[in-house]
């Protein structure tokens, strides 16, 4: 259920995105919704998209989850290896070439939002679309402020929750153990620790949202428009 507190935060986020969009007349503004698994990125993306559309914006939604590498690459270093996850989970070349690049300042606006079917573990053919220069891209996913993606986003929103809370949600959603230090969770926990340590996504984000309580989120650090 949408609470007043959540609606207020979504309204402020929409204000910031629209202000940033107004500064990019020749290509869509590309907004990344970053944060650990279980933080609520995808829900926030969908809700923010609804608010923006309610204000007349043309919104493109996408997820990094649709740009995975095949299993043969993802698990090349073992299913429990966080180094393997860091190095081989996501196909950043396709993410940039198919989505972020075409919608950027030197792009041709011909894009697609998926390159890989994660469930079937097969590449996706086709799906190309044409964007309007005044569209807004909302793309959610983990690790969106890696060095490989520097310059590919006009705005980054970091959705912050403690690991303990994130894994409680993942336990309900995907039957994960609730302990962040459980052996089967370390692939993701250690990846996030490495990301926080080496890329500084919280510090670099334009906006940080504390989503520990989804009914009462708060903007920890606002954007400068």
C-alpha atoms as a PDB file:
ATOM      1  CA  UNK A   1       0.000   0.000   0.000  1.00  0.00           C
ATOM      2  CA  UNK A   2       1.285   3.446  -0.901  1.00  0.00           C
ATOM      3  CA  UNK A   3       1.818   5.539   2.222  1.00  0.00           C
ATOM      4  CA  UNK A   4       1.948   9.320   2.357  1.00  0.00           C
ATOM      5  CA  UNK A   5       5.636   9.163   3.292  1.00  0.00           C
ATOM      6  CA  UNK A   6       6.479   6.972   0.319  1.00  0.00           C
ATOM      7  CA  UNK A   7       4.407   9.084  -2.058  1.00  0.00           C
ATOM      8  CA  UNK A   8       6.253  12.178  -0.857  1.00  0.00           C
ATOM      9  CA  UNK A   9       9.655  10.606  -1.515  1.00  0.00           C
ATOM     10  CA  UNK A  10       8.555   9.451  -4.962  1.00  0.00           C
ATOM     11  CA  UNK A  11       7.370  12.966  -5.719  1.00  0.00           C
ATOM     12  CA  UNK A  12      10.731  14.426  -4.734  1.00  0.00           C
ATOM     13  CA  UNK A  13      12.558  11.854  -6.845  1.00  0.00           C
ATOM     14  CA  UNK A  14      10.335  12.683  -9.808  1.00  0.00           C
ATOM     15  CA  UNK A  15      11.088  16.391  -9.329  1.00  0.00           C
ATOM     16  CA  UNK A  16      14.826  15.675  -9.432  1.00  0.00           C
ATOM     17  CA  UNK A  17      14.614  13.416 -12.476  1.00  0.00           C
ATOM     18  CA  UNK A  18      12.508  15.905 -14.425  1.00  0.00           C
ATOM     19  CA  UNK A  19      14.912  18.716 -13.554  1.00  0.00           C
ATOM     20  CA  UNK A  20      17.818  16.651 -14.813  1.00  0.00           C
ATOM     21  CA  UNK A  21      15.849  15.687 -17.927  1.00  0.00           C
ATOM     22  CA  UNK A  22      15.221  19.340 -18.745  1.00  0.00           C
ATOM     23  CA  UNK A  23      18.979  19.829 -19.054  1.00  0.00           C
ATOM     24  CA  UNK A  24      19.301  17.099 -21.703  1.00  0.00           C
ATOM     25  CA  UNK A  25      17.358  18.208 -24.745  1.00  0.00           C
ATOM     26  CA  UNK A  26      19.113  16.085 -27.383  1.00  0.00           C
ATOM     27  CA  UNK A  27      18.956  12.648 -25.783  1.00  0.00           C
ATOM     28  CA  UNK A  28      17.075  10.808 -23.025  1.00  0.00           C
ATOM     29  CA  UNK A  29      18.240  11.320 -19.473  1.00  0.00           C
ATOM     30  CA  UNK A  30      19.601   7.990 -18.217  1.00  0.00           C
ATOM     31  CA  UNK A  31      18.810   7.298 -14.560  1.00  0.00           C
ATOM     32  CA  UNK A  32      20.313   4.332 -12.737  1.00  0.00           C
ATOM     33  CA  UNK A  33      18.589   2.926  -9.651  1.00  0.00           C
ATOM     34  CA  UNK A  34      21.411   1.202  -7.809  1.00  0.00           C
ATOM     35  CA  UNK A  35      21.633  -0.783  -4.582  1.00  0.00           C
ATOM     36  CA  UNK A  36      22.111  -4.292  -3.223  1.00  0.00           C
ATOM     37  CA  UNK A  37      19.828  -7.212  -3.974  1.00  0.00           C
ATOM     38  CA  UNK A  38      16.712  -6.953  -1.833  1.00  0.00           C
ATOM     39  CA  UNK A  39      16.893  -3.190  -1.399  1.00  0.00           C
ATOM     40  CA  UNK A  40      13.700  -2.536  -3.364  1.00  0.00           C
ATOM     41  CA  UNK A  41      15.187  -1.107  -6.560  1.00  0.00           C
ATOM     42  CA  UNK A  42      12.752  -2.691  -8.996  1.00  0.00           C
ATOM     43  CA  UNK A  43       9.683  -1.675  -7.003  1.00  0.00           C
ATOM     44  CA  UNK A  44      11.013   1.859  -6.694  1.00  0.00           C
ATOM     45  CA  UNK A  45      11.694   1.978 -10.429  1.00  0.00           C
ATOM     46  CA  UNK A  46       8.139   0.914 -11.253  1.00  0.00           C
ATOM     47  CA  UNK A  47       6.589   3.364  -8.794  1.00  0.00           C
ATOM     48  CA  UNK A  48       8.782   6.234  -9.958  1.00  0.00           C
ATOM     49  CA  UNK A  49       7.914   5.425 -13.567  1.00  0.00           C
ATOM     50  CA  UNK A  50       4.219   5.658 -12.706  1.00  0.00           C
ATOM     51  CA  UNK A  51       4.689   9.059 -11.063  1.00  0.00           C
ATOM     52  CA  UNK A  52       6.689  10.371 -14.009  1.00  0.00           C
ATOM     53  CA  UNK A  53       4.149   9.104 -16.515  1.00  0.00           C
ATOM     54  CA  UNK A  54       1.445  10.777 -14.462  1.00  0.00           C
ATOM     55  CA  UNK A  55       3.283  14.028 -15.088  1.00  0.00           C
ATOM     56  CA  UNK A  56       3.386  13.403 -18.822  1.00  0.00           C
ATOM     57  CA  UNK A  57       6.882  11.948 -19.167  1.00  0.00           C
ATOM     58  CA  UNK A  58       7.818   9.298 -21.727  1.00  0.00           C
ATOM     59  CA  UNK A  59       9.514   6.642 -19.578  1.00  0.00           C
ATOM     60  CA  UNK A  60      11.596   3.657 -20.673  1.00  0.00           C
ATOM     61  CA  UNK A  61      12.071   0.973 -18.014  1.00  0.00           C
ATOM     62  CA  UNK A  62      14.871  -1.584 -17.986  1.00  0.00           C
ATOM     63  CA  UNK A  63      16.794  -3.857 -15.629  1.00  0.00           C
ATOM     64  CA  UNK A  64      20.417  -4.951 -15.556  1.00  0.00           C
ATOM     65  CA  UNK A  65      19.063  -8.439 -14.830  1.00  0.00           C
ATOM     66  CA  UNK A  66      18.207  -8.665 -18.525  1.00  0.00           C
ATOM     67  CA  UNK A  67      21.872  -8.227 -19.470  1.00  0.00           C
ATOM     68  CA  UNK A  68      23.402 -11.218 -17.705  1.00  0.00           C
ATOM     69  CA  UNK A  69      26.133 -13.343 -19.180  1.00  0.00           C
ATOM     70  CA  UNK A  70      25.207 -17.016 -19.811  1.00  0.00           C
ATOM     71  CA  UNK A  71      25.739 -19.487 -16.977  1.00  0.00           C
ATOM     72  CA  UNK A  72      28.920 -20.819 -18.570  1.00  0.00           C
ATOM     73  CA  UNK A  73      30.536 -17.448 -17.889  1.00  0.00           C
ATOM     74  CA  UNK A  74      28.706 -16.530 -14.678  1.00  0.00           C
ATOM     75  CA  UNK A  75      29.743 -19.717 -12.903  1.00  0.00           C
ATOM     76  CA  UNK A  76      33.131 -20.217 -14.549  1.00  0.00           C
ATOM     77  CA  UNK A  77      34.850 -19.679 -11.185  1.00  0.00           C
ATOM     78  CA  UNK A  78      32.263 -21.678  -9.225  1.00  0.00           C
ATOM     79  CA  UNK A  79      28.750 -20.968  -8.004  1.00  0.00           C
ATOM     80  CA  UNK A  80      29.948 -19.588  -4.668  1.00  0.00           C
ATOM     81  CA  UNK A  81      32.728 -17.336  -5.972  1.00  0.00           C
ATOM     82  CA  UNK A  82      32.175 -13.648  -5.373  1.00  0.00           C
ATOM     83  CA  UNK A  83      35.126 -12.890  -7.641  1.00  0.00           C
ATOM     84  CA  UNK A  84      33.362 -14.836 -10.379  1.00  0.00           C
ATOM     85  CA  UNK A  85      30.177 -12.853  -9.796  1.00  0.00           C
ATOM     86  CA  UNK A  86      32.061  -9.564  -9.909  1.00  0.00           C
ATOM     87  CA  UNK A  87      33.920 -10.473 -13.077  1.00  0.00           C
ATOM     88  CA  UNK A  88      31.298 -12.411 -14.985  1.00  0.00           C
ATOM     89  CA  UNK A  89      27.723 -11.782 -13.889  1.00  0.00           C
ATOM     90  CA  UNK A  90      26.748  -8.978 -16.249  1.00  0.00           C
ATOM     91  CA  UNK A  91      27.458  -8.318 -19.902  1.00  0.00           C
ATOM     92  CA  UNK A  92      28.357  -4.646 -19.747  1.00  0.00           C
ATOM     93  CA  UNK A  93      29.270  -4.538 -23.423  1.00  0.00           C
ATOM     94  CA  UNK A  94      25.699  -5.399 -24.393  1.00  0.00           C
ATOM     95  CA  UNK A  95      24.279  -3.112 -21.708  1.00  0.00           C
ATOM     96  CA  UNK A  96      26.240  -0.193 -23.130  1.00  0.00           C
ATOM     97  CA  UNK A  97      25.953  -1.042 -26.826  1.00  0.00           C
ATOM     98  CA  UNK A  98      22.266  -1.987 -26.771  1.00  0.00           C
ATOM     99  CA  UNK A  99      20.787   0.375 -24.177  1.00  0.00           C
ATOM    100  CA  UNK A 100      22.909   3.031 -22.517  1.00  0.00           C
ATOM    101  CA  UNK A 101      24.967   4.019 -25.548  1.00  0.00           C
ATOM    102  CA  UNK A 102      22.122   4.424 -28.049  1.00  0.00           C
ATOM    103  CA  UNK A 103      20.284   6.658 -25.567  1.00  0.00           C
ATOM    104  CA  UNK A 104      23.375   8.738 -24.822  1.00  0.00           C
ATOM    105  CA  UNK A 105      24.683  11.956 -26.388  1.00  0.00           C
ATOM    106  CA  UNK A 106      26.291  10.165 -29.336  1.00  0.00           C
ATOM    107  CA  UNK A 107      23.601   7.513 -29.732  1.00  0.00           C
ATOM    108  CA  UNK A 108      21.118   6.965 -32.539  1.00  0.00           C
ATOM    109  CA  UNK A 109      18.141   6.383 -30.182  1.00  0.00           C
ATOM    110  CA  UNK A 110      17.691   2.806 -31.476  1.00  0.00           C
ATOM    111  CA  UNK A 111      17.818   0.624 -28.374  1.00  0.00           C
ATOM    112  CA  UNK A 112      16.609  -2.529 -26.696  1.00  0.00           C
ATOM    113  CA  UNK A 113      16.078  -3.383 -23.034  1.00  0.00           C
ATOM    114  CA  UNK A 114      17.136  -7.051 -23.057  1.00  0.00           C
ATOM    115  CA  UNK A 115      19.992  -9.114 -24.455  1.00  0.00           C
ATOM    116  CA  UNK A 116      19.722 -12.339 -22.427  1.00  0.00           C
ATOM    117  CA  UNK A 117      16.888 -14.517 -21.124  1.00  0.00           C
ATOM    118  CA  UNK A 118      18.071 -15.341 -17.613  1.00  0.00           C
ATOM    119  CA  UNK A 119      15.520 -18.084 -16.976  1.00  0.00           C
ATOM    120  CA  UNK A 120      16.175 -19.951 -20.225  1.00  0.00           C
ATOM    121  CA  UNK A 121      19.859 -18.928 -20.349  1.00  0.00           C
ATOM    122  CA  UNK A 122      19.708 -18.011 -24.027  1.00  0.00           C
ATOM    123  CA  UNK A 123      20.460 -14.793 -25.933  1.00  0.00           C
ATOM    124  CA  UNK A 124      17.550 -12.644 -27.031  1.00  0.00           C
ATOM    125  CA  UNK A 125      17.327 -11.644 -30.670  1.00  0.00           C
ATOM    126  CA  UNK A 126      15.612  -8.490 -31.833  1.00  0.00           C
ATOM    127  CA  UNK A 127      13.494  -6.290 -29.601  1.00  0.00           C
ATOM    128  CA  UNK A 128      14.889  -3.040 -30.977  1.00  0.00           C
ATOM    129  CA  UNK A 129      12.893   0.153 -30.472  1.00  0.00           C
ATOM    130  CA  UNK A 130      13.282   3.848 -31.233  1.00  0.00           C
ATOM    131  CA  UNK A 131      13.313   6.367 -28.392  1.00  0.00           C
ATOM    132  CA  UNK A 132      12.261   9.980 -28.319  1.00  0.00           C
ATOM    133  CA  UNK A 133      15.056  12.423 -27.419  1.00  0.00           C
ATOM    134  CA  UNK A 134      12.988  13.680 -24.484  1.00  0.00           C
ATOM    135  CA  UNK A 135      12.372  10.225 -22.999  1.00  0.00           C
ATOM    136  CA  UNK A 136      13.562   9.203 -19.536  1.00  0.00           C
ATOM    137  CA  UNK A 137      15.341   5.889 -19.007  1.00  0.00           C
ATOM    138  CA  UNK A 138      14.980   4.247 -15.594  1.00  0.00           C
ATOM    139  CA  UNK A 139      17.287   1.242 -15.302  1.00  0.00           C
ATOM    140  CA  UNK A 140      17.593  -0.664 -12.043  1.00  0.00           C
ATOM    141  CA  UNK A 141      20.200  -3.145 -10.945  1.00  0.00           C
ATOM    142  CA  UNK A 142      23.135  -3.947  -8.729  1.00  0.00           C
ATOM    143  CA  UNK A 143      26.603  -2.517  -9.352  1.00  0.00           C
ATOM    144  CA  UNK A 144      25.369   0.270 -11.626  1.00  0.00           C
ATOM    145  CA  UNK A 145      28.155   2.657 -10.647  1.00  0.00           C
ATOM    146  CA  UNK A 146      31.033   0.391 -11.587  1.00  0.00           C
ATOM    147  CA  UNK A 147      33.918   1.963 -13.448  1.00  0.00           C
ATOM    148  CA  UNK A 148      32.793   0.235 -16.650  1.00  0.00           C
ATOM    149  CA  UNK A 149      29.645   2.374 -16.605  1.00  0.00           C
ATOM    150  CA  UNK A 150      31.165   5.764 -15.809  1.00  0.00           C
ATOM    151  CA  UNK A 151      29.714   8.313 -18.212  1.00  0.00           C
ATOM    152  CA  UNK A 152      26.744   6.103 -19.095  1.00  0.00           C
ATOM    153  CA  UNK A 153      24.271   7.654 -16.634  1.00  0.00           C
ATOM    154  CA  UNK A 154      23.179  11.230 -16.071  1.00  0.00           C
ATOM    155  CA  UNK A 155      21.832  10.424 -12.608  1.00  0.00           C
ATOM    156  CA  UNK A 156      22.314   7.671 -10.043  1.00  0.00           C
ATOM    157  CA  UNK A 157      19.870   6.914  -7.227  1.00  0.00           C
ATOM    158  CA  UNK A 158      21.235   4.552  -4.574  1.00  0.00           C
ATOM    159  CA  UNK A 159      18.630   2.551  -2.635  1.00  0.00           C
ATOM    160  CA  UNK A 160      20.230   1.773   0.707  1.00  0.00           C
ATOM    161  CA  UNK A 161      19.237  -0.927   3.199  1.00  0.00           C
ATOM    162  CA  UNK A 162      21.293  -2.913   5.717  1.00  0.00           C
ATOM    163  CA  UNK A 163      22.391  -6.342   4.512  1.00  0.00           C
ATOM    164  CA  UNK A 164      20.347  -7.962   7.283  1.00  0.00           C
ATOM    165  CA  UNK A 165      17.132  -6.361   6.060  1.00  0.00           C
ATOM    166  CA  UNK A 166      17.924  -7.105   2.413  1.00  0.00           C
ATOM    167  CA  UNK A 167      18.378 -10.808   3.115  1.00  0.00           C
ATOM    168  CA  UNK A 168      15.151 -10.965   5.110  1.00  0.00           C
ATOM    169  CA  UNK A 169      13.380  -9.798   1.959  1.00  0.00           C
ATOM    170  CA  UNK A 170      15.348 -12.182  -0.245  1.00  0.00           C
ATOM    171  CA  UNK A 171      14.406 -15.043   2.081  1.00  0.00           C
ATOM    172  CA  UNK A 172      10.742 -14.323   1.390  1.00  0.00           C
ATOM    173  CA  UNK A 173      11.182 -13.626  -2.316  1.00  0.00           C
ATOM    174  CA  UNK A 174      13.706 -16.256  -3.351  1.00  0.00           C
ATOM    175  CA  UNK A 175      14.234 -18.543  -0.335  1.00  0.00           C
ATOM    176  CA  UNK A 176      17.677 -17.146   0.524  1.00  0.00           C
ATOM    177  CA  UNK A 177      19.082 -17.754   4.020  1.00  0.00           C
ATOM    178  CA  UNK A 178      18.479 -14.710   6.212  1.00  0.00           C
ATOM    179  CA  UNK A 179      22.095 -14.515   7.392  1.00  0.00           C
ATOM    180  CA  UNK A 180      24.275 -12.341   5.104  1.00  0.00           C
ATOM    181  CA  UNK A 181      27.248 -14.482   6.134  1.00  0.00           C
ATOM    182  CA  UNK A 182      25.631 -17.791   5.160  1.00  0.00           C
ATOM    183  CA  UNK A 183      27.946 -19.625   2.736  1.00  0.00           C
ATOM    184  CA  UNK A 184      25.444 -19.477  -0.118  1.00  0.00           C
ATOM    185  CA  UNK A 185      25.013 -15.715   0.392  1.00  0.00           C
ATOM    186  CA  UNK A 186      28.679 -14.762   0.451  1.00  0.00           C
ATOM    187  CA  UNK A 187      28.822 -14.645  -3.362  1.00  0.00           C
ATOM    188  CA  UNK A 188      26.572 -11.586  -3.178  1.00  0.00           C
ATOM    189  CA  UNK A 189      27.534 -10.151   0.218  1.00  0.00           C
ATOM    190  CA  UNK A 190      31.242 -10.075  -0.587  1.00  0.00           C
ATOM    191  CA  UNK A 191      30.564  -8.628  -4.034  1.00  0.00           C
ATOM    192  CA  UNK A 192      28.640  -5.770  -2.444  1.00  0.00           C
ATOM    193  CA  UNK A 193      31.383  -5.170   0.098  1.00  0.00           C
ATOM    194  CA  UNK A 194      33.943  -5.026  -2.692  1.00  0.00           C
ATOM    195  CA  UNK A 195      31.710  -2.654  -4.646  1.00  0.00           C
ATOM    196  CA  UNK A 196      31.187  -0.357  -1.669  1.00  0.00           C
ATOM    197  CA  UNK A 197      34.901  -0.360  -0.925  1.00  0.00           C
ATOM    198  CA  UNK A 198      36.262   0.156  -4.440  1.00  0.00           C
ATOM    199  CA  UNK A 199      33.566   2.147  -6.252  1.00  0.00           C
ATOM    200  CA  UNK A 200      31.997   4.288  -3.507  1.00  0.00           C
ATOM    201  CA  UNK A 201      28.457   4.094  -4.916  1.00  0.00           C
ATOM    202  CA  UNK A 202      26.820   5.677  -1.870  1.00  0.00           C
ATOM    203  CA  UNK A 203      29.174   8.641  -1.988  1.00  0.00           C
ATOM    204  CA  UNK A 204      28.934   9.017  -5.767  1.00  0.00           C
ATOM    205  CA  UNK A 205      25.161   8.729  -6.099  1.00  0.00           C
ATOM    206  CA  UNK A 206      23.184  11.884  -6.795  1.00  0.00           C
ATOM    207  CA  UNK A 207      20.460  10.753  -4.415  1.00  0.00           C
ATOM    208  CA  UNK A 208      20.570   8.208  -1.598  1.00  0.00           C
ATOM    209  CA  UNK A 209      17.261   6.735  -0.441  1.00  0.00           C
ATOM    210  CA  UNK A 210      17.067   4.903   2.881  1.00  0.00           C
ATOM    211  CA  UNK A 211      14.543   2.169   2.099  1.00  0.00           C
ATOM    212  CA  UNK A 212      14.946   0.164   5.309  1.00  0.00           C
ATOM    213  CA  UNK A 213      11.248   0.743   5.981  1.00  0.00           C
ATOM    214  CA  UNK A 214       9.492   0.756   2.599  1.00  0.00           C
ATOM    215  CA  UNK A 215       6.455   2.422   4.157  1.00  0.00           C
ATOM    216  CA  UNK A 216       8.581   5.307   5.410  1.00  0.00           C
ATOM    217  CA  UNK A 217      11.604   5.770   3.140  1.00  0.00           C
ATOM    218  CA  UNK A 218      13.698   8.894   3.381  1.00  0.00           C
ATOM    219  CA  UNK A 219      16.054  10.808   1.136  1.00  0.00           C
ATOM    220  CA  UNK A 220      19.384  10.791   2.927  1.00  0.00           C
ATOM    221  CA  UNK A 221      21.173  13.011   0.466  1.00  0.00           C
ATOM    222  CA  UNK A 222      19.319  15.094  -2.127  1.00  0.00           C
ATOM    223  CA  UNK A 223      20.524  15.816  -5.615  1.00  0.00           C
ATOM    224  CA  UNK A 224      21.912  19.123  -6.714  1.00  0.00           C
ATOM    225  CA  UNK A 225      19.823  20.256  -9.655  1.00  0.00           C
END
